[in-house]
PDB file of N, CA and C in Angstrom:
ATOM      1  N   MET A   1       1.737  -2.937   4.323  1.00  0.00           N
ATOM      2  CA  MET A   1       3.006  -3.621   4.515  1.00  0.00           C
ATOM      3  C   MET A   1       3.668  -3.104   5.788  1.00  0.00           C
ATOM      4  N   LYS A   2       4.164  -4.016   6.577  1.00  0.00           N
ATOM      5  CA  LYS A   2       4.929  -3.633   7.767  1.00  0.00           C
ATOM      6  C   LYS A   2       6.318  -3.201   7.295  1.00  0.00           C
ATOM      7  N   LEU A   3       6.679  -1.977   7.594  1.00  0.00           N
ATOM      8  CA  LEU A   3       7.943  -1.446   7.088  1.00  0.00           C
ATOM      9  C   LEU A   3       9.150  -1.933   7.880  1.00  0.00           C
ATOM     10  N   ILE A   4       8.987  -2.108   9.190  1.00  0.00           N
ATOM     11  CA  ILE A   4      10.088  -2.602  10.027  1.00  0.00           C
ATOM     12  C   ILE A   4       9.721  -3.993  10.534  1.00  0.00           C
ATOM     13  N   THR A   5      10.406  -4.999  10.035  1.00  0.00           N
ATOM     14  CA  THR A   5      10.190  -6.375  10.472  1.00  0.00           C
ATOM     15  C   THR A   5      11.093  -6.676  11.669  1.00  0.00           C
ATOM     16  N   LYS A   6      10.857  -7.795  12.301  1.00  0.00           N
ATOM     17  CA  LYS A   6      11.706  -8.216  13.426  1.00  0.00           C
ATOM     18  C   LYS A   6      13.154  -8.406  12.967  1.00  0.00           C
ATOM     19  N   SER A   7      13.358  -8.972  11.780  1.00  0.00           N
ATOM     20  CA  SER A   7      14.725  -9.182  11.299  1.00  0.00           C
ATOM     21  C   SER A   7      15.407  -7.844  10.980  1.00  0.00           C
ATOM     22  N   LEU A   8      14.656  -6.896  10.444  1.00  0.00           N
ATOM     23  CA  LEU A   8      15.241  -5.569  10.204  1.00  0.00           C
ATOM     24  C   LEU A   8      15.576  -4.883  11.522  1.00  0.00           C
ATOM     25  N   GLU A   9      14.654  -4.975  12.477  1.00  0.00           N
ATOM     26  CA  GLU A   9      14.897  -4.370  13.781  1.00  0.00           C
ATOM     27  C   GLU A   9      16.160  -4.960  14.417  1.00  0.00           C
ATOM     28  N   LYS A  10      16.328  -6.261  14.278  1.00  0.00           N
ATOM     29  CA  LYS A  10      17.533  -6.926  14.803  1.00  0.00           C
ATOM     30  C   LYS A  10      18.784  -6.401  14.101  1.00  0.00           C
ATOM     31  N   ARG A  11      18.714  -6.236  12.792  1.00  0.00           N
ATOM     32  CA  ARG A  11      19.874  -5.749  12.035  1.00  0.00           C
ATOM     33  C   ARG A  11      20.224  -4.324  12.424  1.00  0.00           C
ATOM     34  N   PHE A  12      19.214  -3.467  12.565  1.00  0.00           N
ATOM     35  CA  PHE A  12      19.468  -2.091  13.013  1.00  0.00           C
ATOM     36  C   PHE A  12      20.166  -2.101  14.373  1.00  0.00           C
ATOM     37  N   LYS A  13      19.726  -2.996  15.264  1.00  0.00           N
ATOM     38  CA  LYS A  13      20.337  -3.085  16.590  1.00  0.00           C
ATOM     39  C   LYS A  13      21.793  -3.543  16.493  1.00  0.00           C
ATOM     40  N   GLU A  14      22.081  -4.504  15.606  1.00  0.00           N
ATOM     41  CA  GLU A  14      23.457  -4.986  15.413  1.00  0.00           C
ATOM     42  C   GLU A  14      24.375  -3.863  14.933  1.00  0.00           C
ATOM     43  N   ILE A  15      23.893  -3.075  13.997  1.00  0.00           N
ATOM     44  CA  ILE A  15      24.697  -1.972  13.449  1.00  0.00           C
ATOM     45  C   ILE A  15      24.838  -0.851  14.476  1.00  0.00           C
ATOM     46  N   GLY A  16      23.756  -0.538  15.169  1.00  0.00           N
ATOM     47  CA  GLY A  16      23.781   0.496  16.203  1.00  0.00           C
ATOM     48  C   GLY A  16      23.828   1.909  15.640  1.00  0.00           C
ATOM     49  N   CYS A  17      24.146   2.833  16.502  1.00  0.00           N
ATOM     50  CA  CYS A  17      24.198   4.247  16.138  1.00  0.00           C
ATOM     51  C   CYS A  17      25.362   4.492  15.173  1.00  0.00           C
ATOM     52  N   GLN A  18      25.074   5.193  14.098  1.00  0.00           N
ATOM     53  CA  GLN A  18      26.110   5.499  13.114  1.00  0.00           C
ATOM     54  C   GLN A  18      26.438   6.997  13.095  1.00  0.00           C
ATOM     55  N   ASP A  19      26.020   7.685  14.145  1.00  0.00           N
ATOM     56  CA  ASP A  19      26.286   9.117  14.262  1.00  0.00           C
ATOM     57  C   ASP A  19      27.790   9.379  14.185  1.00  0.00           C
ATOM     58  N   GLY A  20      28.176  10.297  13.330  1.00  0.00           N
ATOM     59  CA  GLY A  20      29.581  10.654  13.198  1.00  0.00           C
ATOM     60  C   GLY A  20      30.351   9.786  12.212  1.00  0.00           C
ATOM     61  N   ILE A  21      29.710   8.787  11.651  1.00  0.00           N
ATOM     62  CA  ILE A  21      30.370   7.940  10.653  1.00  0.00           C
ATOM     63  C   ILE A  21      30.212   8.604   9.291  1.00  0.00           C
ATOM     64  N   ASP A  22      31.325   8.812   8.608  1.00  0.00           N
ATOM     65  CA  ASP A  22      31.303   9.513   7.322  1.00  0.00           C
ATOM     66  C   ASP A  22      30.548   8.760   6.230  1.00  0.00           C
ATOM     67  N   ASP A  23      30.588   7.452   6.259  1.00  0.00           N
ATOM     68  CA  ASP A  23      29.967   6.646   5.212  1.00  0.00           C
ATOM     69  C   ASP A  23      29.126   5.549   5.866  1.00  0.00           C
ATOM     70  N   PRO A  24      27.924   5.909   6.396  1.00  0.00           N
ATOM     71  CA  PRO A  24      27.119   4.933   7.130  1.00  0.00           C
ATOM     72  C   PRO A  24      26.551   3.837   6.224  1.00  0.00           C
ATOM     73  N   ILE A  25      26.152   2.757   6.855  1.00  0.00           N
ATOM     74  CA  ILE A  25      25.507   1.655   6.145  1.00  0.00           C
ATOM     75  C   ILE A  25      24.013   1.959   6.037  1.00  0.00           C
ATOM     76  N   VAL A  26      23.490   1.873   4.838  1.00  0.00           N
ATOM     77  CA  VAL A  26      22.048   2.013   4.616  1.00  0.00           C
ATOM     78  C   VAL A  26      21.463   0.615   4.741  1.00  0.00           C
ATOM     79  N   ILE A  27      20.545   0.459   5.682  1.00  0.00           N
ATOM     80  CA  ILE A  27      20.021  -0.858   6.018  1.00  0.00           C
ATOM     81  C   ILE A  27      18.700  -1.160   5.320  1.00  0.00           C
ATOM     82  N   ALA A  28      17.864  -0.144   5.119  1.00  0.00           N
ATOM     83  CA  ALA A  28      16.558  -0.368   4.496  1.00  0.00           C
ATOM     84  C   ALA A  28      16.194   0.792   3.585  1.00  0.00           C
ATOM     85  N   LYS A  29      15.363   0.474   2.601  1.00  0.00           N
ATOM     86  CA  LYS A  29      14.888   1.478   1.647  1.00  0.00           C
ATOM     87  C   LYS A  29      13.363   1.406   1.589  1.00  0.00           C
ATOM     88  N   PHE A  30      12.722   2.575   1.730  1.00  0.00           N
ATOM     89  CA  PHE A  30      11.283   2.695   1.621  1.00  0.00           C
ATOM     90  C   PHE A  30      10.991   3.655   0.473  1.00  0.00           C
ATOM     91  N   PHE A  31       9.884   3.441  -0.239  1.00  0.00           N
ATOM     92  CA  PHE A  31       9.620   4.279  -1.413  1.00  0.00           C
ATOM     93  C   PHE A  31       8.130   4.402  -1.695  1.00  0.00           C
ATOM     94  N   THR A  32       7.789   5.436  -2.447  1.00  0.00           N
ATOM     95  CA  THR A  32       6.426   5.615  -2.922  1.00  0.00           C
ATOM     96  C   THR A  32       6.323   4.961  -4.298  1.00  0.00           C
ATOM     97  N   PRO A  33       5.470   3.954  -4.455  1.00  0.00           N
ATOM     98  CA  PRO A  33       5.387   3.259  -5.738  1.00  0.00           C
ATOM     99  C   PRO A  33       4.853   4.123  -6.872  1.00  0.00           C
ATOM    100  N   SER A  34       4.124   5.172  -6.543  1.00  0.00           N
ATOM    101  CA  SER A  34       3.562   6.038  -7.589  1.00  0.00           C
ATOM    102  C   SER A  34       4.191   7.421  -7.607  1.00  0.00           C
ATOM    103  N   GLY A  35       5.367   7.552  -6.995  1.00  0.00           N
ATOM    104  CA  GLY A  35       6.021   8.858  -6.928  1.00  0.00           C
ATOM    105  C   GLY A  35       7.521   8.722  -6.911  1.00  0.00           C
ATOM    106  N   SER A  36       8.177   9.776  -6.479  1.00  0.00           N
ATOM    107  CA  SER A  36       9.639   9.782  -6.506  1.00  0.00           C
ATOM    108  C   SER A  36      10.277   9.829  -5.121  1.00  0.00           C
ATOM    109  N   ALA A  37       9.483   9.849  -4.063  1.00  0.00           N
ATOM    110  CA  ALA A  37      10.048   9.944  -2.716  1.00  0.00           C
ATOM    111  C   ALA A  37      10.646   8.605  -2.285  1.00  0.00           C
ATOM    112  N   THR A  38      11.831   8.686  -1.666  1.00  0.00           N
ATOM    113  CA  THR A  38      12.533   7.502  -1.186  1.00  0.00           C
ATOM    114  C   THR A  38      13.194   7.828   0.151  1.00  0.00           C
ATOM    115  N   TRP A  39      13.117   6.884   1.077  1.00  0.00           N
ATOM    116  CA  TRP A  39      13.735   7.024   2.395  1.00  0.00           C
ATOM    117  C   TRP A  39      14.769   5.910   2.547  1.00  0.00           C
ATOM    118  N   TYR A  40      16.013   6.275   2.838  1.00  0.00           N
ATOM    119  CA  TYR A  40      17.103   5.315   3.043  1.00  0.00           C
ATOM    120  C   TYR A  40      17.460   5.335   4.526  1.00  0.00           C
ATOM    121  N   ALA A  41      17.143   4.272   5.243  1.00  0.00           N
ATOM    122  CA  ALA A  41      17.309   4.237   6.693  1.00  0.00           C
ATOM    123  C   ALA A  41      18.665   3.686   7.110  1.00  0.00           C
ATOM    124  N   THR A  42      19.340   4.447   7.968  1.00  0.00           N
ATOM    125  CA  THR A  42      20.627   4.016   8.505  1.00  0.00           C
ATOM    126  C   THR A  42      20.541   3.653   9.993  1.00  0.00           C
ATOM    127  N   GLU A  43      19.506   4.149  10.675  1.00  0.00           N
ATOM    128  CA  GLU A  43      19.321   3.864  12.099  1.00  0.00           C
ATOM    129  C   GLU A  43      17.831   3.739  12.395  1.00  0.00           C
ATOM    130  N   TYR A  44      17.512   2.982  13.435  1.00  0.00           N
ATOM    131  CA  TYR A  44      16.127   2.814  13.866  1.00  0.00           C
ATOM    132  C   TYR A  44      16.065   2.929  15.375  1.00  0.00           C
ATOM    133  N   ILE A  45      15.120   3.724  15.871  1.00  0.00           N
ATOM    134  CA  ILE A  45      14.899   3.898  17.308  1.00  0.00           C
ATOM    135  C   ILE A  45      13.553   3.264  17.630  1.00  0.00           C
ATOM    136  N   PRO A  46      13.566   2.010  18.115  1.00  0.00           N
ATOM    137  CA  PRO A  46      12.310   1.270  18.288  1.00  0.00           C
ATOM    138  C   PRO A  46      11.336   1.889  19.286  1.00  0.00           C
ATOM    139  N   ASP A  47      11.838   2.492  20.367  1.00  0.00           N
ATOM    140  CA  ASP A  47      10.947   3.088  21.373  1.00  0.00           C
ATOM    141  C   ASP A  47      10.070   4.184  20.778  1.00  0.00           C
ATOM    142  N   GLU A  48      10.583   4.869  19.767  1.00  0.00           N
ATOM    143  CA  GLU A  48       9.845   5.968  19.143  1.00  0.00           C
ATOM    144  C   GLU A  48       9.327   5.600  17.751  1.00  0.00           C
ATOM    145  N   ASN A  49       9.710   4.427  17.261  1.00  0.00           N
ATOM    146  CA  ASN A  49       9.346   3.953  15.926  1.00  0.00           C
ATOM    147  C   ASN A  49       9.727   4.981  14.851  1.00  0.00           C
ATOM    148  N   ILE A  50      10.956   5.480  14.977  1.00  0.00           N
ATOM    149  CA  ILE A  50      11.474   6.423  13.987  1.00  0.00           C
ATOM    150  C   ILE A  50      12.815   5.936  13.450  1.00  0.00           C
ATOM    151  N   CYS A  51      13.115   6.385  12.247  1.00  0.00           N
ATOM    152  CA  CYS A  51      14.405   6.078  11.621  1.00  0.00           C
ATOM    153  C   CYS A  51      15.165   7.370  11.380  1.00  0.00           C
ATOM    154  N   PHE A  52      16.461   7.220  11.240  1.00  0.00           N
ATOM    155  CA  PHE A  52      17.308   8.310  10.759  1.00  0.00           C
ATOM    156  C   PHE A  52      17.863   7.836   9.435  1.00  0.00           C
ATOM    157  N   GLY A  53      17.928   8.751   8.482  1.00  0.00           N
ATOM    158  CA  GLY A  53      18.478   8.378   7.192  1.00  0.00           C
ATOM    159  C   GLY A  53      18.385   9.504   6.191  1.00  0.00           C
ATOM    160  N   TYR A  54      18.560   9.149   4.943  1.00  0.00           N
ATOM    161  CA  TYR A  54      18.572  10.109   3.848  1.00  0.00           C
ATOM    162  C   TYR A  54      17.219  10.060   3.146  1.00  0.00           C
ATOM    163  N   VAL A  55      16.613  11.223   2.973  1.00  0.00           N
ATOM    164  CA  VAL A  55      15.302  11.319   2.336  1.00  0.00           C
ATOM    165  C   VAL A  55      15.471  12.038   1.014  1.00  0.00           C
ATOM    166  N   LYS A  56      14.967  11.413  -0.032  1.00  0.00           N
ATOM    167  CA  LYS A  56      15.144  11.928  -1.395  1.00  0.00           C
ATOM    168  C   LYS A  56      13.788  12.074  -2.082  1.00  0.00           C
ATOM    169  N   GLY A  57      13.597  13.181  -2.789  1.00  0.00           N
ATOM    170  CA  GLY A  57      12.448  13.333  -3.665  1.00  0.00           C
ATOM    171  C   GLY A  57      11.167  13.864  -3.072  1.00  0.00           C
ATOM    172  N   LEU A  58      11.183  14.286  -1.812  1.00  0.00           N
ATOM    173  CA  LEU A  58       9.960  14.866  -1.244  1.00  0.00           C
ATOM    174  C   LEU A  58       9.747  16.297  -1.734  1.00  0.00           C
ATOM    175  N   VAL A  59      10.815  17.050  -1.758  1.00  0.00           N
ATOM    176  CA  VAL A  59      10.771  18.445  -2.204  1.00  0.00           C
ATOM    177  C   VAL A  59      11.882  18.623  -3.239  1.00  0.00           C
ATOM    178  N   PRO A  60      11.590  19.203  -4.388  1.00  0.00           N
ATOM    179  CA  PRO A  60      12.641  19.398  -5.396  1.00  0.00           C
ATOM    180  C   PRO A  60      13.857  20.119  -4.805  1.00  0.00           C
ATOM    181  N   GLY A  61      15.014  19.503  -4.968  1.00  0.00           N
ATOM    182  CA  GLY A  61      16.256  20.091  -4.460  1.00  0.00           C
ATOM    183  C   GLY A  61      16.393  20.038  -2.954  1.00  0.00           C
ATOM    184  N   GLY A  62      15.480  19.339  -2.274  1.00  0.00           N
ATOM    185  CA  GLY A  62      15.479  19.339  -0.819  1.00  0.00           C
ATOM    186  C   GLY A  62      15.897  18.029  -0.191  1.00  0.00           C
ATOM    187  N   ASP A  63      16.660  17.215  -0.908  1.00  0.00           N
ATOM    188  CA  ASP A  63      17.109  15.936  -0.352  1.00  0.00           C
ATOM    189  C   ASP A  63      17.989  16.205   0.863  1.00  0.00           C
ATOM    190  N   GLU A  64      17.785  15.411   1.943  1.00  0.00           N
ATOM    191  CA  GLU A  64      18.540  15.689   3.163  1.00  0.00           C
ATOM    192  C   GLU A  64      18.528  14.508   4.121  1.00  0.00           C
ATOM    193  N   TRP A  65      19.437  14.572   5.087  1.00  0.00           N
ATOM    194  CA  TRP A  65      19.501  13.635   6.193  1.00  0.00           C
ATOM    195  C   TRP A  65      18.529  14.100   7.264  1.00  0.00           C
ATOM    196  N   GLY A  66      17.857  13.161   7.925  1.00  0.00           N
ATOM    197  CA  GLY A  66      16.962  13.533   9.012  1.00  0.00           C
ATOM    198  C   GLY A  66      16.216  12.337   9.568  1.00  0.00           C
ATOM    199  N   TYR A  67      15.338  12.630  10.529  1.00  0.00           N
ATOM    200  CA  TYR A  67      14.517  11.600  11.165  1.00  0.00           C
ATOM    201  C   TYR A  67      13.180  11.511  10.448  1.00  0.00           C
ATOM    202  N   PHE A  68      12.622  10.299  10.382  1.00  0.00           N
ATOM    203  CA  PHE A  68      11.287  10.130   9.838  1.00  0.00           C
ATOM    204  C   PHE A  68      10.558   9.032  10.611  1.00  0.00           C
ATOM    205  N   SER A  69       9.253   9.239  10.753  1.00  0.00           N
ATOM    206  CA  SER A  69       8.409   8.348  11.539  1.00  0.00           C
ATOM    207  C   SER A  69       7.926   7.169  10.703  1.00  0.00           C
ATOM    208  N   ILE A  70       8.205   5.970  11.168  1.00  0.00           N
ATOM    209  CA  ILE A  70       7.728   4.775  10.492  1.00  0.00           C
ATOM    210  C   ILE A  70       6.203   4.685  10.616  1.00  0.00           C
ATOM    211  N   SER A  71       5.655   5.045  11.768  1.00  0.00           N
ATOM    212  CA  SER A  71       4.204   5.018  11.948  1.00  0.00           C
ATOM    213  C   SER A  71       3.511   5.905  10.922  1.00  0.00           C
ATOM    214  N   GLU A  72       4.068   7.080  10.692  1.00  0.00           N
ATOM    215  CA  GLU A  72       3.476   7.986   9.703  1.00  0.00           C
ATOM    216  C   GLU A  72       3.619   7.426   8.287  1.00  0.00           C
ATOM    217  N   LEU A  73       4.778   6.867   7.967  1.00  0.00           N
ATOM    218  CA  LEU A  73       4.963   6.298   6.632  1.00  0.00           C
ATOM    219  C   LEU A  73       3.978   5.154   6.378  1.00  0.00           C
ATOM    220  N   GLU A  74       3.689   4.365   7.410  1.00  0.00           N
ATOM    221  CA  GLU A  74       2.768   3.239   7.246  1.00  0.00           C
ATOM    222  C   GLU A  74       1.327   3.693   7.041  1.00  0.00           C
ATOM    223  N   GLN A  75       1.014   4.931   7.401  1.00  0.00           N
ATOM    224  CA  GLN A  75      -0.351   5.442   7.257  1.00  0.00           C
ATOM    225  C   GLN A  75      -0.582   6.202   5.950  1.00  0.00           C
ATOM    226  N   VAL A  76       0.483   6.608   5.279  1.00  0.00           N
ATOM    227  CA  VAL A  76       0.365   7.437   4.071  1.00  0.00           C
ATOM    228  C   VAL A  76      -0.181   6.623   2.900  1.00  0.00           C
ATOM    229  N   LYS A  77      -1.064   7.247   2.142  1.00  0.00           N
ATOM    230  CA  LYS A  77      -1.546   6.705   0.873  1.00  0.00           C
ATOM    231  C   LYS A  77      -1.154   7.716  -0.197  1.00  0.00           C
ATOM    232  N   CYS A  78      -0.362   7.288  -1.162  1.00  0.00           N
ATOM    233  CA  CYS A  78       0.228   8.184  -2.150  1.00  0.00           C
ATOM    234  C   CYS A  78      -0.666   8.357  -3.376  1.00  0.00           C
ATOM    235  N   PRO A  79      -0.946   9.608  -3.724  1.00  0.00           N
ATOM    236  CA  PRO A  79      -1.723   9.858  -4.927  1.00  0.00           C
ATOM    237  C   PRO A  79      -0.890   9.539  -6.166  1.00  0.00           C
ATOM    238  N   PRO A  80      -1.423   9.347  -7.296  1.00  0.00           N
ATOM    239  CA  PRO A  80      -2.856   9.404  -7.598  1.00  0.00           C
ATOM    240  C   PRO A  80      -3.565   8.068  -7.392  1.00  0.00           C
ATOM    241  N   LEU A  81      -2.835   6.995  -7.134  1.00  0.00           N
ATOM    242  CA  LEU A  81      -3.433   5.661  -7.047  1.00  0.00           C
ATOM    243  C   LEU A  81      -3.760   5.230  -5.621  1.00  0.00           C
ATOM    244  N   ASN A  82      -3.469   6.095  -4.651  1.00  0.00           N
ATOM    245  CA  ASN A  82      -3.760   5.815  -3.244  1.00  0.00           C
ATOM    246  C   ASN A  82      -3.007   4.577  -2.731  1.00  0.00           C
ATOM    247  N   LEU A  83      -1.759   4.424  -3.174  1.00  0.00           N
ATOM    248  CA  LEU A  83      -0.942   3.275  -2.787  1.00  0.00           C
ATOM    249  C   LEU A  83      -0.134   3.576  -1.528  1.00  0.00           C
ATOM    250  N   PRO A  84       0.119   2.572  -0.687  1.00  0.00           N
ATOM    251  CA  PRO A  84       0.933   2.788   0.512  1.00  0.00           C
ATOM    252  C   PRO A  84       2.425   2.852   0.175  1.00  0.00           C
ATOM    253  N   ILE A  85       3.175   3.433   1.085  1.00  0.00           N
ATOM    254  CA  ILE A  85       4.636   3.408   0.981  1.00  0.00           C
ATOM    255  C   ILE A  85       5.086   1.971   1.218  1.00  0.00           C
ATOM    256  N   GLU A  86       6.076   1.539   0.453  1.00  0.00           N
ATOM    257  CA  GLU A  86       6.537   0.160   0.528  1.00  0.00           C
ATOM    258  C   GLU A  86       8.002   0.081   0.938  1.00  0.00           C
ATOM    259  N   ARG A  87       8.378  -1.093   1.438  1.00  0.00           N
ATOM    260  CA  ARG A  87       9.779  -1.394   1.708  1.00  0.00           C
ATOM    261  C   ARG A  87      10.309  -2.142   0.495  1.00  0.00           C
ATOM    262  N   ASP A  88      11.479  -1.760   0.031  1.00  0.00           N
ATOM    263  CA  ASP A  88      12.086  -2.445  -1.105  1.00  0.00           C
ATOM    264  C   ASP A  88      12.595  -3.803  -0.627  1.00  0.00           C
ATOM    265  N   LEU A  89      11.891  -4.847  -1.013  1.00  0.00           N
ATOM    266  CA  LEU A  89      12.223  -6.201  -0.571  1.00  0.00           C
ATOM    267  C   LEU A  89      13.520  -6.714  -1.171  1.00  0.00           C
ATOM    268  N   TYR A  90      13.986  -6.084  -2.236  1.00  0.00           N
ATOM    269  CA  TYR A  90      15.184  -6.544  -2.944  1.00  0.00           C
ATOM    270  C   TYR A  90      16.396  -5.645  -2.689  1.00  0.00           C
ATOM    271  N   PHE A  91      16.246  -4.699  -1.772  1.00  0.00           N
ATOM    272  CA  PHE A  91      17.351  -3.796  -1.450  1.00  0.00           C
ATOM    273  C   PHE A  91      18.374  -4.529  -0.592  1.00  0.00           C
ATOM    274  N   ASP A  92      19.631  -4.459  -0.984  1.00  0.00           N
ATOM    275  CA  ASP A  92      20.727  -5.020  -0.195  1.00  0.00           C
ATOM    276  C   ASP A  92      21.444  -3.886   0.516  1.00  0.00           C
ATOM    277  N   GLU A  93      21.626  -4.039   1.819  1.00  0.00           N
ATOM    278  CA  GLU A  93      22.288  -2.957   2.551  1.00  0.00           C
ATOM    279  C   GLU A  93      23.653  -2.676   1.944  1.00  0.00           C
ATOM    280  N   CYS A  94      24.029  -1.405   2.034  1.00  0.00           N
ATOM    281  CA  CYS A  94      25.295  -0.982   1.444  1.00  0.00           C
ATOM    282  C   CYS A  94      25.739   0.318   2.100  1.00  0.00           C
ATOM    283  N   LYS A  95      26.971   0.683   1.865  1.00  0.00           N
ATOM    284  CA  LYS A  95      27.470   1.973   2.330  1.00  0.00           C
ATOM    285  C   LYS A  95      26.768   3.080   1.543  1.00  0.00           C
ATOM    286  N   PHE A  96      26.584   4.225   2.167  1.00  0.00           N
ATOM    287  CA  PHE A  96      25.910   5.334   1.500  1.00  0.00           C
ATOM    288  C   PHE A  96      26.650   5.747   0.237  1.00  0.00           C
ATOM    289  N   SER A  97      27.971   5.715   0.253  1.00  0.00           N
ATOM    290  CA  SER A  97      28.743   6.094  -0.926  1.00  0.00           C
ATOM    291  C   SER A  97      28.451   5.167  -2.107  1.00  0.00           C
ATOM    292  N   GLU A  98      28.221   3.890  -1.842  1.00  0.00           N
ATOM    293  CA  GLU A  98      27.871   2.942  -2.909  1.00  0.00           C
ATOM    294  C   GLU A  98      26.498   3.282  -3.490  1.00  0.00           C
ATOM    295  N   LEU A  99      25.594   3.658  -2.626  1.00  0.00           N
ATOM    296  CA  LEU A  99      24.249   4.027  -3.036  1.00  0.00           C
ATOM    297  C   LEU A  99      24.279   5.266  -3.935  1.00  0.00           C
ATOM    298  N   GLN A 100      25.119   6.213  -3.592  1.00  0.00           N
ATOM    299  CA  GLN A 100      25.237   7.434  -4.402  1.00  0.00           C
ATOM    300  C   GLN A 100      25.629   7.093  -5.833  1.00  0.00           C
ATOM    301  N   ASN A 101      26.491   6.121  -6.010  1.00  0.00           N
ATOM    302  CA  ASN A 101      26.917   5.724  -7.341  1.00  0.00           C
ATOM    303  C   ASN A 101      25.845   4.969  -8.106  1.00  0.00           C
ATOM    304  N   GLN A 102      24.930   4.317  -7.382  1.00  0.00           N
ATOM    305  CA  GLN A 102      23.902   3.491  -8.015  1.00  0.00           C
ATOM    306  C   GLN A 102      22.582   4.225  -8.251  1.00  0.00           C
ATOM    307  N   GLU A 103      22.020   4.823  -7.207  1.00  0.00           N
ATOM    308  CA  GLU A 103      20.644   5.281  -7.267  1.00  0.00           C
ATOM    309  C   GLU A 103      20.447   6.791  -7.168  1.00  0.00           C
ATOM    310  N   LEU A 104      21.274   7.471  -6.439  1.00  0.00           N
ATOM    311  CA  LEU A 104      20.996   8.882  -6.157  1.00  0.00           C
ATOM    312  C   LEU A 104      21.284   9.798  -7.305  1.00  0.00           C
TER     313      LEU A 104
END
């Protein structure tokens, strides 16, 4: 699955840099279908094919904000079923504070 589509890339560009914003808009959600890791993207840098956002579930108690590579996410196969990381097709962008009340 292509994680960043042209329409998503356009939306990230419309929103722009959210650095310094207390409650950024989460534009896309990526997840491991056979695990608990989830990436919530608030920014996308197309030249480097990386996102900035909140990463949850990779390390117990280690949820944090940071950069992650879309190219690397597209190459990962998650055990035990060897499934790729997917984009949540039904995710509606929202403020991070709204997400905290729903999913985190």
